[in-house]
Amino acid sequence: MINKYSIFIFGMSLVISSCGDDEPNLAPPEERVAAAIANLQSELVAPPNGWKVEYQPTSQAGTFFILLDFDPDGSVNIQSDVPANDGEFRDQTITYRIDNSLGLELIFETFGVFHFLFELDQTNFGAEFEFLFQEKEGDNLIFRSKTDIFDVTILTFEPAGANDDDFLGVTIAKNLELFSEIGVNDGSTRQQLILKDRNISIFWTIDLEQRNLNVEFAGIGETIDEIITNQIILLNHNTSYTLEKDDMILEEPFSFVLSGFNNQITKITLGEVTLMGPSLCSFGPDNNPISTSVNSNLGNLAIQNTILSSSGLGFTENVYTVNSFFIFDSEGNSLADDATGEGIIIESFPDVAGFAFLYGVELNDPTIPTYSLGLIMDGGNLYFREYKPTTTEINRVKIELLDKYFYRTEPEGSPIPDGTEEALEAITDLMFQGGEIYAYDFPLEGFEIFNIFNPCSDIDFLLVR
């Protein structure tokens, strides 16, 4: 007798047998991987005009418009508006490959625009040159960054049109670079946007590589004296931007009311750049970059370099000192390099230890002038020169040096070396040539430091409160 359990087991064997008969024969893993790679490459080379990508490496970064045209031989033509390396990345053909590790990976092999962006900020910018393929979505191919954990970058490859290269901001990117060659020797580019029909100026710091703007403040007028004399309003607005044709388009537009005008800034058109802009030095020639253009909403515009910055508002009356090594010329060479013995300060004062800037503060020794500046020697000697009482105007400090000197020697009463006054006069005349310095916050955790810049001598130095 066949019991019910035998019937059940027989039935299950039929089911299992029938399922096994219907199971397709899978190709070996290496063949499936090769097929997937070949399929992705086929997709990459398919569009007749290649692909367009709006690449934003991180959510805080600007956006880079990039065109890619892949070839089956493993080469890809890349067009971008990144002006670095003398235009190397404007139109470049490099090699690529498709691998399979964490999934299908698109890897740009030869150094190109993606590698350049990857290396920015000592590789901390957040860009990559290897991307994981996610899916095909309609006509688009979707990739994502390979190593991002939190701020994952999604790249959408869209089929490009025949004339999409017209949207590259090649000219505006190149023209913006001209402004980076002028100004403070701290790697920052500071610009003044003038709304000429409204007599209003906007001041920002622009990062041309990472495409970010820090909009600091706005004021009434065009010249430094006009801005300082009139009302200013702090804006403290940060935004990234992208370039399109001749426009700089802000990711986060901003607006403010000043002088009776409601000013809304969404994009800026950069016109032709000429070398007729005002000098940063009060007595220099007007040969700096300036661009003029017309905006449909804002009217006539001008963009030029500036040295005004709200980051120096905190440079107020106090005692400031710094190691004398941190006083630099326009080439970044120290004026007191004790390792080489070179520099105008150490050549005149071999035992110099530091520089002091006494800004309107009385010290425990009331004989030391409250408005004086000068050198501190290793043995404690002080060689100071007085200047006329002054104040900070936004970040400008006018310095009128006086022919009045203060000396303190250790031990008290020791003779002052011959030539001290002449050398101190020459050094301070150079450091404060033109009679104006500009202060900028120098962020360093645990310290309050300012970078001081003289636009006439092109000397900059640090001061620690």
Protein backbone atom coordinates (compact mmCIF):
# COMPACT_ATOMS: atom_id res chain seq x y z
CA MET A 1 0.00 0.00 0.00
CA ILE A 2 1.24 3.44 -0.96
CA ASN A 3 0.75 5.75 1.98
CA LYS A 4 0.08 9.45 1.78
CA TYR A 5 3.73 10.35 2.59
CA SER A 6 5.00 8.37 -0.38
CA ILE A 7 2.59 10.20 -2.68
CA PHE A 8 3.75 13.57 -1.26
CA ILE A 9 7.43 12.74 -1.79
CA PHE A 10 6.79 11.55 -5.33
CA GLY A 11 4.86 14.73 -6.15
CA MET A 12 7.61 16.94 -4.79
CA SER A 13 10.21 15.13 -6.87
CA LEU A 14 8.16 15.89 -9.98
CA VAL A 15 8.02 19.57 -9.06
CA ILE A 16 11.76 19.71 -8.41
CA SER A 17 12.46 17.82 -11.60
CA SER A 18 10.26 20.09 -13.68
CA CYS A 19 11.89 23.21 -12.17
CA GLY A 20 15.33 21.88 -12.98
CA ASP A 21 14.30 21.13 -16.55
CA ASP A 22 13.17 24.78 -17.05
CA GLU A 23 16.27 26.47 -15.47
CA PRO A 24 18.38 28.22 -18.17
CA ASN A 25 22.07 27.48 -18.41
CA LEU A 26 23.96 30.52 -17.01
CA ALA A 27 27.16 31.64 -18.71
CA PRO A 28 30.32 31.58 -16.58
CA PRO A 29 30.81 34.70 -14.41
CA GLU A 30 33.70 36.03 -16.48
CA GLU A 31 31.56 35.88 -19.63
CA ARG A 32 28.69 37.71 -17.93
CA VAL A 33 31.10 40.43 -16.72
CA ALA A 34 32.60 40.79 -20.21
CA ALA A 35 29.12 41.09 -21.69
CA ALA A 36 28.12 43.76 -19.16
CA ILE A 37 31.29 45.75 -19.89
CA ALA A 38 30.71 45.47 -23.62
CA ASN A 39 27.09 46.56 -23.20
CA LEU A 40 28.05 49.66 -21.17
CA GLN A 41 30.73 50.62 -23.67
CA SER A 42 28.18 50.22 -26.45
CA GLU A 43 25.89 52.62 -24.58
CA LEU A 44 28.71 55.12 -24.04
CA VAL A 45 29.71 55.32 -27.69
CA ALA A 46 26.13 55.36 -29.05
CA PRO A 47 25.09 59.07 -28.99
CA PRO A 48 26.25 60.82 -32.18
CA ASN A 49 27.24 63.99 -30.27
CA GLY A 50 28.43 62.31 -27.09
CA TRP A 51 27.20 63.20 -23.61
CA LYS A 52 26.78 66.31 -21.48
CA VAL A 53 27.29 66.26 -17.73
CA GLU A 54 26.70 68.88 -15.05
CA TYR A 55 29.27 67.75 -12.52
CA GLN A 56 28.95 69.00 -8.94
CA PRO A 57 31.59 67.16 -6.87
CA THR A 58 29.94 68.01 -3.53
CA SER A 59 26.78 69.78 -2.46
CA GLN A 60 28.89 72.81 -1.45
CA ALA A 61 30.86 72.98 -4.71
CA GLY A 62 30.07 74.74 -7.92
CA THR A 63 28.93 72.93 -11.05
CA PHE A 64 31.16 72.13 -14.03
CA PHE A 65 29.58 71.67 -17.46
CA ILE A 66 31.48 68.89 -19.25
CA LEU A 67 31.05 67.23 -22.67
CA LEU A 68 32.26 63.68 -23.26
CA ASP A 69 32.50 61.79 -26.56
CA PHE A 70 33.55 58.15 -26.13
CA ASP A 71 35.25 56.02 -28.79
CA PRO A 72 35.29 52.20 -28.94
CA ASP A 73 39.12 52.24 -29.01
CA GLY A 74 39.21 53.32 -25.34
CA SER A 75 39.65 57.05 -25.87
CA VAL A 76 37.29 59.84 -24.84
CA ASN A 77 37.25 63.46 -25.94
CA ILE A 78 36.45 65.79 -23.03
CA GLN A 79 35.53 69.45 -23.37
CA SER A 80 35.22 71.73 -20.34
CA ASP A 81 35.48 75.39 -19.35
CA VAL A 82 38.08 74.76 -16.63
CA PRO A 83 40.82 77.22 -17.65
CA ALA A 84 43.66 75.79 -15.55
CA ASN A 85 47.04 74.69 -16.92
CA ASP A 86 46.90 77.17 -19.80
CA GLY A 87 43.68 75.72 -21.18
CA GLU A 88 44.80 72.08 -21.12
CA PHE A 89 41.29 70.90 -20.21
CA ARG A 90 39.40 72.95 -22.80
CA ASP A 91 39.50 70.14 -25.38
CA GLN A 92 41.41 67.02 -24.47
CA THR A 93 41.41 63.37 -25.54
CA ILE A 94 42.41 60.84 -22.89
CA THR A 95 41.97 57.12 -22.28
CA TYR A 96 39.25 55.40 -20.29
CA ARG A 97 38.36 51.88 -19.30
CA ILE A 98 35.42 49.99 -17.83
CA ASP A 99 36.14 47.61 -14.95
CA ASN A 100 34.07 45.45 -12.68
CA SER A 101 34.93 45.58 -8.99
CA LEU A 102 32.20 46.96 -6.77
CA GLY A 103 30.10 46.94 -9.92
CA LEU A 104 30.66 48.38 -13.34
CA GLU A 105 33.16 51.21 -13.03
CA LEU A 106 33.96 53.96 -15.52
CA ILE A 107 37.57 55.02 -14.98
CA PHE A 108 39.24 57.99 -16.65
CA GLU A 109 42.86 56.89 -16.90
CA THR A 110 45.01 59.69 -18.33
CA PHE A 111 45.29 62.95 -16.38
CA GLY A 112 42.41 65.19 -17.37
CA VAL A 113 39.85 67.59 -15.95
CA PHE A 114 38.41 65.06 -13.48
CA HIS A 115 41.90 64.35 -12.11
CA PHE A 116 42.61 68.07 -11.84
CA LEU A 117 39.43 68.60 -9.81
CA PHE A 118 40.26 65.55 -7.70
CA GLU A 119 43.62 67.08 -6.69
CA LEU A 120 42.18 70.46 -5.63
CA ASP A 121 42.64 71.41 -1.97
CA GLN A 122 45.19 68.61 -1.54
CA THR A 123 42.60 66.05 -2.74
CA ASN A 124 40.06 67.27 -0.17
CA PHE A 125 37.78 69.00 -2.67
CA GLY A 126 35.66 65.88 -3.14
CA ALA A 127 35.97 65.28 -6.88
CA GLU A 128 36.69 61.86 -8.41
CA PHE A 129 37.80 60.26 -11.67
CA GLU A 130 36.24 56.82 -11.08
CA PHE A 131 32.48 56.38 -11.15
CA LEU A 132 30.10 53.47 -10.56
CA PHE A 133 27.42 52.76 -13.13
CA GLN A 134 23.96 52.58 -11.57
CA GLU A 135 21.37 52.29 -14.30
CA LYS A 136 20.02 53.48 -17.60
CA GLU A 137 17.09 55.84 -17.17
CA GLY A 138 15.39 56.61 -20.45
CA ASP A 139 18.12 57.91 -22.74
CA ASN A 140 20.34 58.86 -19.80
CA LEU A 141 23.07 56.90 -18.05
CA ILE A 142 23.28 57.33 -14.27
CA PHE A 143 26.62 57.07 -12.45
CA ARG A 144 27.58 57.82 -8.86
CA SER A 145 30.83 58.65 -7.11
CA LYS A 146 32.84 55.62 -6.06
CA THR A 147 34.23 56.59 -2.66
CA ASP A 148 31.70 59.09 -1.24
CA ILE A 149 29.95 57.77 1.86
CA PHE A 150 27.68 60.62 2.94
CA ASP A 151 27.63 63.32 0.26
CA VAL A 152 27.25 60.96 -2.69
CA THR A 153 27.59 62.59 -6.11
CA ILE A 154 25.17 61.50 -8.83
CA LEU A 155 26.26 62.07 -12.43
CA THR A 156 23.63 62.05 -15.13
CA PHE A 157 24.98 61.51 -18.63
CA GLU A 158 22.51 63.11 -21.05
CA PRO A 159 22.87 62.80 -24.83
CA ALA A 160 24.46 66.04 -26.04
CA GLY A 161 23.15 68.22 -28.82
CA ALA A 162 25.21 69.24 -31.82
CA ASN A 163 25.74 72.77 -30.47
CA ASP A 164 26.01 72.13 -26.74
CA ASP A 165 29.64 73.24 -26.75
CA ASP A 166 28.25 76.77 -27.19
CA PHE A 167 27.11 76.62 -23.55
CA LEU A 168 30.63 76.12 -22.20
CA GLY A 169 31.78 79.18 -20.26
CA VAL A 170 35.23 79.16 -21.82
CA THR A 171 35.62 82.90 -22.25
CA ILE A 172 34.18 83.92 -18.89
CA ALA A 173 36.32 81.32 -17.07
CA LYS A 174 39.46 82.61 -18.76
CA ASN A 175 38.55 86.24 -18.06
CA LEU A 176 37.79 85.54 -14.41
CA GLU A 177 41.30 84.12 -14.05
CA LEU A 178 42.71 87.55 -14.90
CA PHE A 179 41.32 88.85 -11.61
CA SER A 180 43.13 86.16 -9.60
CA GLU A 181 46.51 87.66 -10.44
CA ILE A 182 45.80 90.90 -8.54
CA GLY A 183 45.38 91.49 -4.83
CA VAL A 184 46.25 90.03 -1.46
CA ASN A 185 48.94 87.36 -1.41
CA ASP A 186 46.73 84.83 0.41
CA GLY A 187 45.30 82.86 -2.51
CA SER A 188 41.92 84.64 -2.37
CA THR A 189 40.36 86.64 -5.18
CA ARG A 190 38.29 89.58 -4.00
CA GLN A 191 35.95 91.39 -6.37
CA GLN A 192 33.71 94.43 -6.32
CA LEU A 193 30.50 94.31 -8.36
CA ILE A 194 29.34 97.85 -9.11
CA LEU A 195 25.69 98.49 -9.96
CA LYS A 196 26.52 101.73 -11.73
CA ASP A 197 22.97 102.95 -12.30
CA ARG A 198 22.25 102.56 -8.57
CA ASN A 199 25.62 103.70 -7.16
CA ILE A 200 25.83 100.48 -5.15
CA SER A 201 28.79 98.12 -4.75
CA ILE A 202 28.80 94.48 -3.66
CA PHE A 203 31.94 92.86 -2.28
CA TRP A 204 32.72 89.16 -2.38
CA THR A 205 35.50 86.62 -2.22
CA ILE A 206 35.42 84.19 -5.11
CA ASP A 207 37.01 80.74 -5.31
CA LEU A 208 37.62 80.32 -9.03
CA GLU A 209 38.71 76.69 -8.77
CA GLN A 210 35.92 75.34 -6.58
CA ARG A 211 33.38 77.86 -7.93
CA ASN A 212 32.12 79.34 -4.69
CA LEU A 213 31.24 82.89 -3.68
CA ASN A 214 31.31 84.40 -0.21
CA VAL A 215 29.25 87.58 -0.56
CA GLU A 216 30.47 89.77 2.31
CA PHE A 217 28.75 93.15 2.24
CA ALA A 218 27.28 95.92 0.12
CA GLY A 219 27.81 99.67 0.29
CA ILE A 220 26.97 102.95 -1.38
CA GLY A 221 29.43 104.36 -3.90
CA GLU A 222 32.23 103.06 -6.10
CA THR A 223 35.54 104.23 -4.62
CA ILE A 224 37.00 102.99 -1.35
CA ASP A 225 36.55 106.40 0.27
CA GLU A 226 32.90 106.55 -0.83
CA ILE A 227 32.18 103.07 0.51
CA ILE A 228 33.84 103.80 3.86
CA THR A 229 32.05 107.13 4.24
CA ASN A 230 28.56 105.77 3.53
CA GLN A 231 26.36 103.06 4.98
CA ILE A 232 27.27 99.39 4.48
CA ILE A 233 25.17 96.29 5.16
CA LEU A 234 26.63 92.87 5.94
CA LEU A 235 25.28 90.09 3.71
CA ASN A 236 27.34 87.02 4.71
CA HIS A 237 25.87 84.94 1.90
CA ASN A 238 27.56 81.83 0.54
CA THR A 239 26.68 80.28 -2.79
CA SER A 240 28.18 78.06 -5.43
CA TYR A 241 27.91 78.96 -9.10
CA THR A 242 28.14 77.55 -12.58
CA LEU A 243 29.34 79.13 -15.80
CA GLU A 244 27.21 79.20 -18.93
CA LYS A 245 28.34 81.13 -21.99
CA ASP A 246 29.21 84.59 -20.56
CA ASP A 247 27.14 84.23 -17.39
CA MET A 248 28.00 83.29 -13.83
CA ILE A 249 24.78 81.72 -12.52
CA LEU A 250 24.37 81.59 -8.75
CA GLU A 251 23.10 78.38 -7.18
CA GLU A 252 21.68 80.40 -4.27
CA PRO A 253 20.65 83.90 -5.45
CA PHE A 254 20.59 86.70 -2.90
CA SER A 255 18.79 90.00 -2.44
CA PHE A 256 19.02 93.09 -0.23
CA VAL A 257 17.59 96.58 0.05
CA LEU A 258 19.98 99.52 0.01
CA SER A 259 19.67 103.18 -0.96
CA GLY A 260 16.00 102.66 -1.82
CA PHE A 261 16.67 99.82 -4.29
CA ASN A 262 15.59 96.21 -3.98
CA ASN A 263 18.62 94.42 -5.43
CA GLN A 264 18.22 90.79 -6.56
CA ILE A 265 21.32 89.01 -7.81
CA THR A 266 20.75 85.75 -9.67
CA LYS A 267 23.43 85.83 -12.36
CA ILE A 268 26.21 88.07 -13.52
CA THR A 269 27.25 88.64 -17.12
CA LEU A 270 30.95 89.22 -17.56
CA GLY A 271 31.74 91.41 -20.54
CA GLU A 272 35.07 92.11 -22.15
CA VAL A 273 37.91 92.50 -19.66
CA THR A 274 40.30 95.42 -20.12
CA LEU A 275 43.32 96.51 -18.09
CA MET A 276 41.89 99.91 -17.21
CA GLY A 277 40.60 99.20 -13.72
CA PRO A 278 41.63 101.27 -10.69
CA SER A 279 44.89 100.54 -8.93
CA LEU A 280 44.74 98.95 -5.49
CA CYS A 281 47.50 101.35 -4.42
CA SER A 282 46.52 104.95 -3.81
CA PHE A 283 49.21 106.26 -6.17
CA GLY A 284 49.47 103.39 -8.68
CA PRO A 285 48.48 103.40 -12.36
CA ASP A 286 44.97 102.33 -13.35
CA ASN A 287 45.93 99.11 -15.16
CA ASN A 288 44.03 96.39 -13.31
CA PRO A 289 41.34 94.12 -14.83
CA ILE A 290 37.83 95.53 -15.14
CA SER A 291 34.79 94.17 -16.95
CA THR A 292 31.70 96.11 -17.95
CA SER A 293 28.38 94.69 -19.08
CA VAL A 294 24.63 95.33 -19.06
CA ASN A 295 22.14 93.26 -17.08
CA SER A 296 18.46 93.36 -18.01
CA ASN A 297 17.44 93.77 -14.35
CA LEU A 298 20.38 95.60 -12.82
CA GLY A 299 21.44 97.89 -15.66
CA ASN A 300 25.08 98.80 -16.24
CA LEU A 301 27.56 96.70 -14.28
CA ALA A 302 31.28 96.68 -13.65
CA ILE A 303 33.45 94.07 -11.94
CA GLN A 304 36.91 94.90 -10.64
CA ASN A 305 39.39 93.73 -8.02
CA THR A 306 39.10 95.09 -4.51
CA ILE A 307 40.94 94.97 -1.20
CA LEU A 308 37.99 95.96 0.96
CA SER A 309 36.68 93.08 3.05
CA SER A 310 34.41 92.73 6.06
CA SER A 311 36.66 89.93 7.33
CA GLY A 312 38.90 92.66 8.78
CA LEU A 313 36.23 94.34 10.88
CA GLY A 314 37.66 92.68 13.98
CA PHE A 315 41.05 94.33 13.59
CA THR A 316 40.59 96.86 16.35
CA GLU A 317 42.72 98.57 19.00
CA ASN A 318 44.95 96.04 20.71
CA VAL A 319 48.51 94.78 20.96
CA TYR A 320 49.64 92.63 18.04
CA THR A 321 52.91 90.75 17.62
CA VAL A 322 54.39 88.15 15.32
CA ASN A 323 57.63 86.29 14.74
CA SER A 324 59.62 88.43 12.32
CA PHE A 325 59.89 85.53 9.87
CA PHE A 326 56.21 86.02 8.95
CA ILE A 327 56.77 89.25 7.04
CA PHE A 328 56.84 88.55 3.29
CA ASP A 329 57.54 90.35 0.04
CA SER A 330 55.49 89.99 -3.14
CA GLU A 331 57.31 86.76 -4.03
CA GLY A 332 56.56 85.17 -0.68
CA ASN A 333 60.13 85.56 0.59
CA SER A 334 60.57 86.39 4.25
CA LEU A 335 62.14 89.74 5.09
CA ALA A 336 63.73 88.06 8.10
CA ASP A 337 64.70 84.52 7.09
CA ASP A 338 67.04 83.43 9.88
CA ALA A 339 67.80 80.16 8.09
CA THR A 340 69.38 81.92 5.11
CA GLY A 341 70.19 85.27 6.71
CA GLU A 342 68.41 86.98 3.84
CA GLY A 343 65.85 89.78 3.92
CA ILE A 344 66.05 93.48 4.63
CA ILE A 345 65.09 93.07 8.30
CA ILE A 346 67.52 90.33 9.32
CA GLU A 347 70.34 91.86 7.28
CA SER A 348 70.02 95.05 9.35
CA PHE A 349 69.09 93.37 12.65
CA PRO A 350 70.62 89.85 12.83
CA ASP A 351 69.24 89.27 16.34
CA VAL A 352 65.65 90.25 15.50
CA ALA A 353 63.00 88.07 17.13
CA GLY A 354 59.65 89.67 16.38
CA PHE A 355 57.57 92.54 15.11
CA ALA A 356 55.10 94.49 17.26
CA PHE A 357 52.15 96.66 16.26
CA LEU A 358 50.80 98.69 19.18
CA TYR A 359 47.37 99.89 18.15
CA GLY A 360 46.09 102.50 20.62
CA VAL A 361 46.68 100.44 23.79
CA GLU A 362 48.71 101.60 26.77
CA LEU A 363 51.11 98.99 28.12
CA ASN A 364 52.36 98.48 31.65
CA ASP A 365 55.32 100.63 30.69
CA PRO A 366 53.65 104.01 30.05
CA THR A 367 56.74 105.31 28.27
CA ILE A 368 56.04 103.06 25.28
CA PRO A 369 53.92 105.04 22.75
CA THR A 370 50.40 103.64 22.36
CA TYR A 371 50.56 104.11 18.59
CA SER A 372 53.91 102.62 17.61
CA LEU A 373 55.37 99.72 15.71
CA GLY A 374 58.74 98.11 15.35
CA LEU A 375 61.14 95.32 16.18
CA ILE A 376 61.73 93.16 19.23
CA MET A 377 65.29 91.82 19.65
CA ASP A 378 66.33 88.48 21.12
CA GLY A 379 67.78 90.20 24.17
CA GLY A 380 64.61 92.19 24.83
CA ASN A 381 65.61 95.43 23.14
CA LEU A 382 62.74 97.37 21.58
CA TYR A 383 63.19 99.57 18.51
CA PHE A 384 59.88 101.30 17.78
CA ARG A 385 58.63 104.08 15.53
CA GLU A 386 55.52 106.12 16.24
CA TYR A 387 52.61 106.70 13.90
CA LYS A 388 49.69 109.09 14.01
CA PRO A 389 46.58 107.84 15.90
CA THR A 390 44.20 106.12 13.50
CA THR A 391 41.25 103.74 13.35
CA THR A 392 40.00 100.79 11.29
CA GLU A 393 37.62 101.67 8.43
CA ILE A 394 35.99 98.40 7.41
CA ASN A 395 39.41 96.73 7.04
CA ARG A 396 41.55 99.70 6.01
CA VAL A 397 43.95 101.30 8.46
CA LYS A 398 45.73 104.49 7.44
CA ILE A 399 49.28 104.66 8.77
CA GLU A 400 51.07 108.02 8.87
CA LEU A 401 54.56 107.32 10.17
CA LEU A 402 56.20 109.97 12.34
CA ASP A 403 59.87 110.79 12.73
CA LYS A 404 59.66 109.92 16.40
CA TYR A 405 61.41 106.82 17.74
CA PHE A 406 61.35 104.88 20.99
CA TYR A 407 64.15 102.62 22.21
CA ARG A 408 64.42 100.39 25.21
CA THR A 409 67.61 98.44 25.77
CA GLU A 410 68.54 95.58 28.05
CA PRO A 411 70.26 96.06 30.33
CA GLU A 412 68.82 99.53 30.75
CA GLY A 413 71.09 102.21 29.47
CA SER A 414 72.97 99.99 27.02
CA PRO A 415 74.08 101.87 23.90
CA ILE A 416 71.96 101.71 20.78
CA PRO A 417 73.95 100.30 17.84
CA ASP A 418 74.99 102.80 15.20
CA GLY A 419 72.64 102.96 12.21
CA THR A 420 69.64 101.61 14.13
CA GLU A 421 67.37 104.54 13.41
CA GLU A 422 68.26 104.70 9.72
CA ALA A 423 67.65 100.97 9.28
CA LEU A 424 64.38 101.06 11.21
CA GLU A 425 63.23 104.00 9.12
CA ALA A 426 64.01 102.17 5.86
CA ILE A 427 62.22 98.99 7.00
CA THR A 428 59.07 100.73 8.24
CA ASP A 429 58.96 103.05 5.21
CA LEU A 430 58.92 99.93 3.01
CA MET A 431 56.36 98.02 5.07
CA PHE A 432 53.96 100.97 5.22
CA GLN A 433 54.67 102.57 1.86
CA GLY A 434 51.60 104.44 0.61
CA GLY A 435 50.22 104.94 4.10
CA GLU A 436 47.49 102.26 3.99
CA ILE A 437 47.26 98.65 5.14
CA TYR A 438 44.32 96.24 4.92
CA ALA A 439 43.50 93.56 7.48
CA TYR A 440 41.95 90.14 6.81
CA ASP A 441 40.93 87.46 9.25
CA PHE A 442 43.37 84.53 9.15
CA PRO A 443 41.39 81.60 10.61
CA LEU A 444 43.41 79.33 12.88
CA GLU A 445 41.70 77.52 15.72
CA GLY A 446 42.71 78.80 19.12
CA PHE A 447 44.26 82.02 17.82
CA GLU A 448 43.11 85.42 16.62
CA ILE A 449 45.31 86.24 13.66
CA PHE A 450 45.09 88.81 10.91
CA ASN A 451 46.82 88.90 7.56
CA ILE A 452 47.96 92.45 6.83
CA PHE A 453 48.44 93.55 3.22
CA ASN A 454 50.03 96.68 1.79
CA PRO A 455 48.85 97.18 -1.83
CA CYS A 456 51.64 99.67 -2.60
CA SER A 457 54.67 97.68 -1.44
CA ASP A 458 52.94 94.31 -2.00
CA ILE A 459 54.19 93.24 1.42
CA ASP A 460 52.01 91.14 3.68
CA PHE A 461 52.53 89.94 7.22
CA LEU A 462 50.67 88.24 10.03
CA LEU A 463 49.69 89.83 13.32
CA VAL A 464 48.55 87.85 16.36
CA ARG A 465 46.31 89.55 18.91
